[in-house]
PDB file of N, CA and C in Angstrom:
ATOM      1  N   UNK A   1      -3.140   9.686  27.188  1.00  0.00           N
ATOM      2  CA  UNK A   1      -2.754  10.411  26.029  1.00  0.00           C
ATOM      3  C   UNK A   1      -2.748   8.557  25.085  1.00  0.00           C
ATOM      4  N   UNK A   2      -2.894   9.197  23.514  1.00  0.00           N
ATOM      5  CA  UNK A   2      -2.968   8.230  22.740  1.00  0.00           C
ATOM      6  C   UNK A   2      -1.883   8.121  21.864  1.00  0.00           C
ATOM      7  N   UNK A   3      -1.084   7.313  22.061  1.00  0.00           N
ATOM      8  CA  UNK A   3       0.021   7.399  21.247  1.00  0.00           C
ATOM      9  C   UNK A   3      -0.001   6.654  19.934  1.00  0.00           C
ATOM     10  N   UNK A   4       0.645   7.130  18.679  1.00  0.00           N
ATOM     11  CA  UNK A   4       0.698   6.427  17.938  1.00  0.00           C
ATOM     12  C   UNK A   4       2.308   6.220  17.292  1.00  0.00           C
ATOM     13  N   UNK A   5       2.657   4.780  16.141  1.00  0.00           N
ATOM     14  CA  UNK A   5       3.918   4.620  15.941  1.00  0.00           C
ATOM     15  C   UNK A   5       3.821   3.790  14.294  1.00  0.00           C
ATOM     16  N   UNK A   6       4.585   4.258  13.422  1.00  0.00           N
ATOM     17  CA  UNK A   6       4.271   3.282  12.074  1.00  0.00           C
ATOM     18  C   UNK A   6       5.521   2.070  12.159  1.00  0.00           C
ATOM     19  N   UNK A   7       4.884   1.059  11.848  1.00  0.00           N
ATOM     20  CA  UNK A   7       5.556  -0.331  11.958  1.00  0.00           C
ATOM     21  C   UNK A   7       5.563  -0.948  11.289  1.00  0.00           C
ATOM     22  N   UNK A   8       6.471  -1.762  10.971  1.00  0.00           N
ATOM     23  CA  UNK A   8       6.382  -2.814  10.067  1.00  0.00           C
ATOM     24  C   UNK A   8       6.279  -4.411  10.939  1.00  0.00           C
ATOM     25  N   UNK A   9       6.843  -4.392  11.832  1.00  0.00           N
ATOM     26  CA  UNK A   9       7.291  -5.727  13.091  1.00  0.00           C
ATOM     27  C   UNK A   9       7.454  -7.046  11.938  1.00  0.00           C
ATOM     28  N   UNK A  10       8.281  -6.907  10.809  1.00  0.00           N
ATOM     29  CA  UNK A  10       8.851  -7.734   9.622  1.00  0.00           C
ATOM     30  C   UNK A  10      10.179  -8.779  10.316  1.00  0.00           C
ATOM     31  N   UNK A  11      10.074  -9.432  11.311  1.00  0.00           N
ATOM     32  CA  UNK A  11       8.746 -10.001  12.393  1.00  0.00           C
ATOM     33  C   UNK A  11       9.222  -8.955  13.481  1.00  0.00           C
ATOM     34  N   UNK A  12       8.129  -9.225  14.189  1.00  0.00           N
ATOM     35  CA  UNK A  12       8.021  -8.782  15.318  1.00  0.00           C
ATOM     36  C   UNK A  12       9.350  -9.064  16.179  1.00  0.00           C
ATOM     37  N   UNK A  13      10.240  -8.324  17.130  1.00  0.00           N
ATOM     38  CA  UNK A  13      11.570  -8.874  17.778  1.00  0.00           C
ATOM     39  C   UNK A  13      11.404  -8.009  19.244  1.00  0.00           C
ATOM     40  N   UNK A  14      12.302  -8.435  19.826  1.00  0.00           N
ATOM     41  CA  UNK A  14      12.565  -7.548  21.526  1.00  0.00           C
ATOM     42  C   UNK A  14      12.741  -6.372  21.351  1.00  0.00           C
ATOM     43  N   UNK A  15      13.313  -5.416  20.364  1.00  0.00           N
ATOM     44  CA  UNK A  15      13.467  -4.149  20.386  1.00  0.00           C
ATOM     45  C   UNK A  15      12.238  -3.239  19.651  1.00  0.00           C
ATOM     46  N   UNK A  16      11.190  -4.305  19.096  1.00  0.00           N
ATOM     47  CA  UNK A  16      10.040  -3.927  18.990  1.00  0.00           C
ATOM     48  C   UNK A  16       9.156  -3.724  20.185  1.00  0.00           C
ATOM     49  N   UNK A  17       9.461  -4.714  21.279  1.00  0.00           N
ATOM     50  CA  UNK A  17       8.509  -4.722  22.535  1.00  0.00           C
ATOM     51  C   UNK A  17       9.318  -3.807  23.277  1.00  0.00           C
ATOM     52  N   UNK A  18      10.701  -3.644  23.611  1.00  0.00           N
ATOM     53  CA  UNK A  18      11.390  -2.594  24.186  1.00  0.00           C
ATOM     54  C   UNK A  18      10.950  -1.062  23.846  1.00  0.00           C
ATOM     55  N   UNK A  19      10.368  -0.858  22.705  1.00  0.00           N
ATOM     56  CA  UNK A  19       9.783   0.266  22.067  1.00  0.00           C
ATOM     57  C   UNK A  19       8.457   0.142  22.844  1.00  0.00           C
ATOM     58  N   UNK A  20       7.627  -0.545  22.437  1.00  0.00           N
ATOM     59  CA  UNK A  20       6.178  -0.318  23.192  1.00  0.00           C
ATOM     60  C   UNK A  20       6.572  -0.285  24.782  1.00  0.00           C
ATOM     61  N   UNK A  21       7.296  -0.583  25.523  1.00  0.00           N
ATOM     62  CA  UNK A  21       7.270  -0.571  26.710  1.00  0.00           C
ATOM     63  C   UNK A  21       7.717   1.026  27.515  1.00  0.00           C
ATOM     64  N   UNK A  22       8.760   1.557  26.537  1.00  0.00           N
ATOM     65  CA  UNK A  22       8.938   2.817  26.612  1.00  0.00           C
ATOM     66  C   UNK A  22       7.833   4.025  26.297  1.00  0.00           C
ATOM     67  N   UNK A  23       6.976   3.816  25.332  1.00  0.00           N
ATOM     68  CA  UNK A  23       5.512   4.237  25.044  1.00  0.00           C
ATOM     69  C   UNK A  23       4.776   4.050  26.418  1.00  0.00           C
ATOM     70  N   UNK A  24       4.864   2.878  26.858  1.00  0.00           N
ATOM     71  CA  UNK A  24       3.826   2.617  27.948  1.00  0.00           C
ATOM     72  C   UNK A  24       4.381   3.735  29.340  1.00  0.00           C
ATOM     73  N   UNK A  25       5.616   3.635  29.637  1.00  0.00           N
ATOM     74  CA  UNK A  25       6.291   4.385  30.422  1.00  0.00           C
ATOM     75  C   UNK A  25       6.029   5.797  30.561  1.00  0.00           C
ATOM     76  N   UNK A  26       5.874   6.254  29.364  1.00  0.00           N
ATOM     77  CA  UNK A  26       5.419   7.510  28.966  1.00  0.00           C
ATOM     78  C   UNK A  26       3.893   8.020  29.156  1.00  0.00           C
ATOM     79  N   UNK A  27       3.521   6.933  29.819  1.00  0.00           N
ATOM     80  CA  UNK A  27       1.938   7.112  30.287  1.00  0.00           C
ATOM     81  C   UNK A  27       0.817   7.352  29.396  1.00  0.00           C
ATOM     82  N   UNK A  28       1.096   6.013  28.562  1.00  0.00           N
ATOM     83  CA  UNK A  28       0.424   5.783  27.181  1.00  0.00           C
ATOM     84  C   UNK A  28      -1.229   5.350  27.611  1.00  0.00           C
ATOM     85  N   UNK A  29      -2.314   5.867  27.523  1.00  0.00           N
ATOM     86  CA  UNK A  29      -3.551   5.183  27.852  1.00  0.00           C
ATOM     87  C   UNK A  29      -4.076   4.439  26.643  1.00  0.00           C
ATOM     88  N   UNK A  30      -3.477   4.431  25.253  1.00  0.00           N
ATOM     89  CA  UNK A  30      -3.311   3.656  24.246  1.00  0.00           C
ATOM     90  C   UNK A  30      -2.377   3.756  23.340  1.00  0.00           C
ATOM     91  N   UNK A  31      -2.004   3.064  22.255  1.00  0.00           N
ATOM     92  CA  UNK A  31      -0.771   2.481  21.643  1.00  0.00           C
ATOM     93  C   UNK A  31      -1.624   1.849  20.286  1.00  0.00           C
ATOM     94  N   UNK A  32      -1.653   3.072  18.754  1.00  0.00           N
ATOM     95  CA  UNK A  32      -1.774   2.279  18.145  1.00  0.00           C
ATOM     96  C   UNK A  32      -0.746   2.579  16.848  1.00  0.00           C
ATOM     97  N   UNK A  33      -0.862   1.367  16.555  1.00  0.00           N
ATOM     98  CA  UNK A  33       0.584   0.590  15.341  1.00  0.00           C
ATOM     99  C   UNK A  33      -0.235   1.248  14.064  1.00  0.00           C
ATOM    100  N   UNK A  34       0.406   1.874  13.083  1.00  0.00           N
ATOM    101  CA  UNK A  34       0.149   2.002  11.861  1.00  0.00           C
ATOM    102  C   UNK A  34       1.096   1.436  11.058  1.00  0.00           C
ATOM    103  N   UNK A  35       0.313  -0.347  10.488  1.00  0.00           N
ATOM    104  CA  UNK A  35       1.695  -1.168  10.132  1.00  0.00           C
ATOM    105  C   UNK A  35       1.400  -0.967   8.875  1.00  0.00           C
ATOM    106  N   UNK A  36       2.208  -1.569   7.980  1.00  0.00           N
ATOM    107  CA  UNK A  36       2.353  -2.006   6.430  1.00  0.00           C
ATOM    108  C   UNK A  36       1.609  -3.155   6.731  1.00  0.00           C
ATOM    109  N   UNK A  37       1.511  -3.395   5.325  1.00  0.00           N
ATOM    110  CA  UNK A  37       0.144  -4.940   5.230  1.00  0.00           C
ATOM    111  C   UNK A  37       1.350  -5.884   4.539  1.00  0.00           C
ATOM    112  N   UNK A  38       1.011  -6.545   3.478  1.00  0.00           N
ATOM    113  CA  UNK A  38       1.314  -7.868   2.879  1.00  0.00           C
ATOM    114  C   UNK A  38       3.021  -7.577   2.686  1.00  0.00           C
ATOM    115  N   UNK A  39       3.486  -5.909   2.080  1.00  0.00           N
ATOM    116  CA  UNK A  39       4.559  -5.429   1.283  1.00  0.00           C
ATOM    117  C   UNK A  39       4.795  -4.588   2.479  1.00  0.00           C
ATOM    118  N   UNK A  40       6.202  -4.210   2.633  1.00  0.00           N
ATOM    119  CA  UNK A  40       6.543  -3.679   3.613  1.00  0.00           C
ATOM    120  C   UNK A  40       6.966  -2.160   2.895  1.00  0.00           C
ATOM    121  N   UNK A  41       7.722  -1.399   3.848  1.00  0.00           N
ATOM    122  CA  UNK A  41       7.825   0.249   2.995  1.00  0.00           C
ATOM    123  C   UNK A  41       8.805   0.406   1.873  1.00  0.00           C
ATOM    124  N   UNK A  42       9.843  -0.844   1.749  1.00  0.00           N
ATOM    125  CA  UNK A  42      10.801  -0.913   0.874  1.00  0.00           C
ATOM    126  C   UNK A  42      10.396  -1.917  -0.361  1.00  0.00           C
ATOM    127  N   UNK A  43       9.121  -1.974  -0.469  1.00  0.00           N
ATOM    128  CA  UNK A  43       8.658  -2.790  -1.355  1.00  0.00           C
ATOM    129  C   UNK A  43       8.614  -4.280  -1.201  1.00  0.00           C
ATOM    130  N   UNK A  44       9.327  -4.734  -0.235  1.00  0.00           N
ATOM    131  CA  UNK A  44       9.331  -6.466  -0.426  1.00  0.00           C
ATOM    132  C   UNK A  44       8.306  -7.143  -0.038  1.00  0.00           C
ATOM    133  N   UNK A  45       8.366  -8.536  -0.103  1.00  0.00           N
ATOM    134  CA  UNK A  45       6.951  -9.025   0.851  1.00  0.00           C
ATOM    135  C   UNK A  45       7.319  -9.049   2.151  1.00  0.00           C
ATOM    136  N   UNK A  46       6.497  -9.012   2.972  1.00  0.00           N
ATOM    137  CA  UNK A  46       6.495  -9.155   4.199  1.00  0.00           C
ATOM    138  C   UNK A  46       6.972 -11.183   4.319  1.00  0.00           C
ATOM    139  N   UNK A  47       7.907 -11.372   5.680  1.00  0.00           N
ATOM    140  CA  UNK A  47       7.802 -12.465   6.058  1.00  0.00           C
ATOM    141  C   UNK A  47       6.771 -13.383   6.502  1.00  0.00           C
ATOM    142  N   UNK A  48       6.445 -12.519   7.673  1.00  0.00           N
ATOM    143  CA  UNK A  48       4.895 -12.953   8.161  1.00  0.00           C
ATOM    144  C   UNK A  48       3.940 -12.331   7.375  1.00  0.00           C
ATOM    145  N   UNK A  49       2.839 -13.097   7.588  1.00  0.00           N
ATOM    146  CA  UNK A  49       1.400 -12.383   7.119  1.00  0.00           C
ATOM    147  C   UNK A  49       0.931 -11.090   8.183  1.00  0.00           C
ATOM    148  N   UNK A  50       0.429 -10.321   7.464  1.00  0.00           N
ATOM    149  CA  UNK A  50       0.010  -8.931   8.139  1.00  0.00           C
ATOM    150  C   UNK A  50      -0.552  -9.193   9.626  1.00  0.00           C
ATOM    151  N   UNK A  51      -1.427 -10.845   9.435  1.00  0.00           N
ATOM    152  CA  UNK A  51      -2.307 -10.793  10.580  1.00  0.00           C
ATOM    153  C   UNK A  51      -1.822 -11.586  11.948  1.00  0.00           C
ATOM    154  N   UNK A  52      -0.392 -12.279  11.556  1.00  0.00           N
ATOM    155  CA  UNK A  52       0.272 -12.980  12.508  1.00  0.00           C
ATOM    156  C   UNK A  52       1.424 -11.674  13.329  1.00  0.00           C
ATOM    157  N   UNK A  53       1.464 -10.676  12.390  1.00  0.00           N
ATOM    158  CA  UNK A  53       2.675  -9.548  12.814  1.00  0.00           C
ATOM    159  C   UNK A  53       1.443  -8.471  13.724  1.00  0.00           C
ATOM    160  N   UNK A  54       0.473  -8.716  13.570  1.00  0.00           N
ATOM    161  CA  UNK A  54      -0.851  -7.613  14.292  1.00  0.00           C
ATOM    162  C   UNK A  54      -1.108  -8.144  15.534  1.00  0.00           C
ATOM    163  N   UNK A  55      -1.195  -9.765  15.332  1.00  0.00           N
ATOM    164  CA  UNK A  55      -1.117 -10.270  16.769  1.00  0.00           C
ATOM    165  C   UNK A  55      -0.103 -10.597  17.374  1.00  0.00           C
ATOM    166  N   UNK A  56       1.032 -10.348  16.972  1.00  0.00           N
ATOM    167  CA  UNK A  56       2.531 -10.067  17.853  1.00  0.00           C
ATOM    168  C   UNK A  56       2.187  -8.771  18.530  1.00  0.00           C
ATOM    169  N   UNK A  57       2.175  -7.620  17.914  1.00  0.00           N
ATOM    170  CA  UNK A  57       2.016  -6.316  18.194  1.00  0.00           C
ATOM    171  C   UNK A  57       0.844  -6.572  19.446  1.00  0.00           C
ATOM    172  N   UNK A  58      -0.571  -7.013  19.269  1.00  0.00           N
ATOM    173  CA  UNK A  58      -1.257  -6.702  20.214  1.00  0.00           C
ATOM    174  C   UNK A  58      -0.955  -7.646  21.521  1.00  0.00           C
ATOM    175  N   UNK A  59      -0.403  -8.485  21.380  1.00  0.00           N
ATOM    176  CA  UNK A  59       0.237  -9.623  22.415  1.00  0.00           C
ATOM    177  C   UNK A  59       1.157  -8.522  23.609  1.00  0.00           C
ATOM    178  N   UNK A  60       1.878  -7.860  23.091  1.00  0.00           N
ATOM    179  CA  UNK A  60       2.963  -7.219  23.052  1.00  0.00           C
ATOM    180  C   UNK A  60       2.203  -5.922  23.652  1.00  0.00           C
ATOM    181  N   UNK A  61       1.217  -5.254  23.891  1.00  0.00           N
ATOM    182  CA  UNK A  61       0.696  -3.890  24.267  1.00  0.00           C
ATOM    183  C   UNK A  61      -0.006  -3.060  23.535  1.00  0.00           C
ATOM    184  N   UNK A  62       0.397  -3.108  21.922  1.00  0.00           N
ATOM    185  CA  UNK A  62      -0.930  -2.357  20.851  1.00  0.00           C
ATOM    186  C   UNK A  62      -1.798  -2.742  20.983  1.00  0.00           C
ATOM    187  N   UNK A  63      -2.479  -1.531  21.164  1.00  0.00           N
ATOM    188  CA  UNK A  63      -4.194  -1.402  21.310  1.00  0.00           C
ATOM    189  C   UNK A  63      -4.952  -1.504  20.308  1.00  0.00           C
ATOM    190  N   UNK A  64      -4.421  -0.903  19.140  1.00  0.00           N
ATOM    191  CA  UNK A  64      -5.085  -1.171  17.973  1.00  0.00           C
ATOM    192  C   UNK A  64      -3.637  -0.962  17.012  1.00  0.00           C
ATOM    193  N   UNK A  65      -4.238  -1.820  15.735  1.00  0.00           N
ATOM    194  CA  UNK A  65      -3.386  -2.003  14.571  1.00  0.00           C
ATOM    195  C   UNK A  65      -3.848  -2.024  13.447  1.00  0.00           C
ATOM    196  N   UNK A  66      -3.607  -0.499  13.021  1.00  0.00           N
ATOM    197  CA  UNK A  66      -4.449  -0.011  11.461  1.00  0.00           C
ATOM    198  C   UNK A  66      -3.473  -0.553  10.356  1.00  0.00           C
ATOM    199  N   UNK A  67      -4.052  -0.891   9.368  1.00  0.00           N
ATOM    200  CA  UNK A  67      -3.417  -1.628   8.245  1.00  0.00           C
ATOM    201  C   UNK A  67      -2.890  -0.715   7.127  1.00  0.00           C
ATOM    202  N   UNK A  68      -1.513  -0.358   6.784  1.00  0.00           N
ATOM    203  CA  UNK A  68      -1.507   0.919   5.788  1.00  0.00           C
ATOM    204  C   UNK A  68      -1.447   0.646   4.925  1.00  0.00           C
ATOM    205  N   UNK A  69      -2.783   0.416   3.668  1.00  0.00           N
ATOM    206  CA  UNK A  69      -2.090   0.420   2.330  1.00  0.00           C
ATOM    207  C   UNK A  69      -1.001   0.243   1.499  1.00  0.00           C
ATOM    208  N   UNK A  70      -0.793  -0.689   0.910  1.00  0.00           N
ATOM    209  CA  UNK A  70       0.543  -0.535   0.407  1.00  0.00           C
ATOM    210  C   UNK A  70       1.044   0.809  -0.400  1.00  0.00           C
ATOM    211  N   UNK A  71       0.477   1.252  -0.749  1.00  0.00           N
ATOM    212  CA  UNK A  71       0.814   2.278  -1.616  1.00  0.00           C
ATOM    213  C   UNK A  71       1.292   3.653  -1.000  1.00  0.00           C
ATOM    214  N   UNK A  72       0.541   3.624   0.467  1.00  0.00           N
ATOM    215  CA  UNK A  72       1.210   4.631   1.002  1.00  0.00           C
ATOM    216  C   UNK A  72       2.198   4.388   1.810  1.00  0.00           C
ATOM    217  N   UNK A  73       2.226   2.991   2.324  1.00  0.00           N
ATOM    218  CA  UNK A  73       3.395   2.188   3.305  1.00  0.00           C
ATOM    219  C   UNK A  73       4.527   2.539   2.384  1.00  0.00           C
ATOM    220  N   UNK A  74       4.820   2.496   1.478  1.00  0.00           N
ATOM    221  CA  UNK A  74       6.075   2.804   0.083  1.00  0.00           C
ATOM    222  C   UNK A  74       6.382   4.237   0.833  1.00  0.00           C
ATOM    223  N   UNK A  75       5.752   4.863   1.333  1.00  0.00           N
ATOM    224  CA  UNK A  75       5.721   6.346   1.367  1.00  0.00           C
ATOM    225  C   UNK A  75       6.602   6.607   2.775  1.00  0.00           C
ATOM    226  N   UNK A  76       5.904   5.591   3.503  1.00  0.00           N
ATOM    227  CA  UNK A  76       6.559   5.846   5.134  1.00  0.00           C
ATOM    228  C   UNK A  76       6.184   6.967   5.752  1.00  0.00           C
ATOM    229  N   UNK A  77       7.025   7.277   6.246  1.00  0.00           N
ATOM    230  CA  UNK A  77       6.706   8.794   6.941  1.00  0.00           C
ATOM    231  C   UNK A  77       6.219   9.634   6.588  1.00  0.00           C
ATOM    232  N   UNK A  78       6.638  10.149   5.207  1.00  0.00           N
ATOM    233  CA  UNK A  78       5.987  10.985   4.303  1.00  0.00           C
ATOM    234  C   UNK A  78       4.673  11.432   4.394  1.00  0.00           C
ATOM    235  N   UNK A  79       3.829  10.263   4.586  1.00  0.00           N
ATOM    236  CA  UNK A  79       2.495  10.200   4.656  1.00  0.00           C
ATOM    237  C   UNK A  79       1.852  10.193   5.615  1.00  0.00           C
ATOM    238  N   UNK A  80       2.553   9.685   6.831  1.00  0.00           N
ATOM    239  CA  UNK A  80       1.860   9.676   8.477  1.00  0.00           C
ATOM    240  C   UNK A  80       2.142  11.133   8.442  1.00  0.00           C
ATOM    241  N   UNK A  81       3.574  11.639   8.540  1.00  0.00           N
ATOM    242  CA  UNK A  81       3.759  13.051   8.878  1.00  0.00           C
ATOM    243  C   UNK A  81       2.466  14.020   8.532  1.00  0.00           C
ATOM    244  N   UNK A  82       2.489  14.047   7.118  1.00  0.00           N
ATOM    245  CA  UNK A  82       1.589  15.015   6.590  1.00  0.00           C
ATOM    246  C   UNK A  82       0.184  14.824   6.968  1.00  0.00           C
ATOM    247  N   UNK A  83      -0.149  13.401   7.198  1.00  0.00           N
ATOM    248  CA  UNK A  83      -1.777  13.381   7.759  1.00  0.00           C
ATOM    249  C   UNK A  83      -1.493  13.846   9.480  1.00  0.00           C
ATOM    250  N   UNK A  84      -0.622  13.601   9.951  1.00  0.00           N
ATOM    251  CA  UNK A  84      -0.563  13.889  11.695  1.00  0.00           C
ATOM    252  C   UNK A  84       0.445  14.240  12.354  1.00  0.00           C
ATOM    253  N   UNK A  85       1.148  15.530  11.954  1.00  0.00           N
ATOM    254  CA  UNK A  85       2.663  15.727  12.121  1.00  0.00           C
ATOM    255  C   UNK A  85       2.807  15.660  13.406  1.00  0.00           C
ATOM    256  N   UNK A  86       1.775  15.711  14.508  1.00  0.00           N
ATOM    257  CA  UNK A  86       1.824  15.604  15.878  1.00  0.00           C
ATOM    258  C   UNK A  86       2.270  14.297  16.528  1.00  0.00           C
ATOM    259  N   UNK A  87       1.993  13.212  15.640  1.00  0.00           N
ATOM    260  CA  UNK A  87       1.672  11.914  16.146  1.00  0.00           C
ATOM    261  C   UNK A  87       2.942  11.097  15.785  1.00  0.00           C
ATOM    262  N   UNK A  88       3.101   9.929  16.100  1.00  0.00           N
ATOM    263  CA  UNK A  88       4.074   9.439  15.538  1.00  0.00           C
ATOM    264  C   UNK A  88       5.087   8.773  16.734  1.00  0.00           C
ATOM    265  N   UNK A  89       5.923   7.556  16.250  1.00  0.00           N
ATOM    266  CA  UNK A  89       6.912   7.487  17.193  1.00  0.00           C
ATOM    267  C   UNK A  89       7.915   6.690  15.756  1.00  0.00           C
ATOM    268  N   UNK A  90       9.234   7.133  16.284  1.00  0.00           N
ATOM    269  CA  UNK A  90      10.240   6.749  15.008  1.00  0.00           C
ATOM    270  C   UNK A  90      11.316   5.930  16.269  1.00  0.00           C
ATOM    271  N   UNK A  91      11.484   6.325  17.241  1.00  0.00           N
ATOM    272  CA  UNK A  91      12.684   5.243  18.233  1.00  0.00           C
ATOM    273  C   UNK A  91      13.421   6.447  18.786  1.00  0.00           C
ATOM    274  N   UNK A  92      13.519   7.399  18.132  1.00  0.00           N
ATOM    275  CA  UNK A  92      13.983   8.608  18.663  1.00  0.00           C
ATOM    276  C   UNK A  92      13.307   9.674  19.589  1.00  0.00           C
ATOM    277  N   UNK A  93      12.161   9.352  18.833  1.00  0.00           N
ATOM    278  CA  UNK A  93      11.216  10.581  19.396  1.00  0.00           C
ATOM    279  C   UNK A  93       9.691   9.802  19.269  1.00  0.00           C
ATOM    280  N   UNK A  94       9.014  10.378  20.386  1.00  0.00           N
ATOM    281  CA  UNK A  94       7.712  10.194  20.430  1.00  0.00           C
ATOM    282  C   UNK A  94       6.470  11.068  20.754  1.00  0.00           C
ATOM    283  N   UNK A  95       5.624  11.299  19.841  1.00  0.00           N
ATOM    284  CA  UNK A  95       4.939  12.347  20.028  1.00  0.00           C
ATOM    285  C   UNK A  95       3.548  11.400  20.450  1.00  0.00           C
ATOM    286  N   UNK A  96       2.247  12.649  20.922  1.00  0.00           N
ATOM    287  CA  UNK A  96       0.977  12.150  21.426  1.00  0.00           C
ATOM    288  C   UNK A  96       0.204  12.258  20.088  1.00  0.00           C
ATOM    289  N   UNK A  97      -0.790  11.821  19.826  1.00  0.00           N
ATOM    290  CA  UNK A  97      -1.941  11.926  19.012  1.00  0.00           C
ATOM    291  C   UNK A  97      -3.065  12.732  19.994  1.00  0.00           C
ATOM    292  N   UNK A  98      -3.603  12.070  20.938  1.00  0.00           N
ATOM    293  CA  UNK A  98      -4.350  12.879  21.783  1.00  0.00           C
ATOM    294  C   UNK A  98      -3.763  13.104  23.054  1.00  0.00           C
ATOM    295  N   UNK A  99      -4.105  14.166  23.541  1.00  0.00           N
ATOM    296  CA  UNK A  99      -4.292  14.579  24.964  1.00  0.00           C
ATOM    297  C   UNK A  99      -5.516  14.993  25.727  1.00  0.00           C
TER     298      UNK A  99
END
């Protein structure tokens, strides 16, 4: 199964690493992080570059980081939910993208 999660990783911390480890425990064959770019969902500039945040994600088990354009990132889960209502992870629930 491939799992997807919306993320900012601004900055990446132990809670994010724990979240990824829990997805892996569910048997993920792959993890996709849909990550905000240079500006986070609240419209603030990110504290680290999107490239550094993506490197942190990959080093900690994410297989693919997809940069969500700023316009869509501001809308957060509303857009993700509309594009793929059966994927995503918000910490309290985890759904699969592909089975």
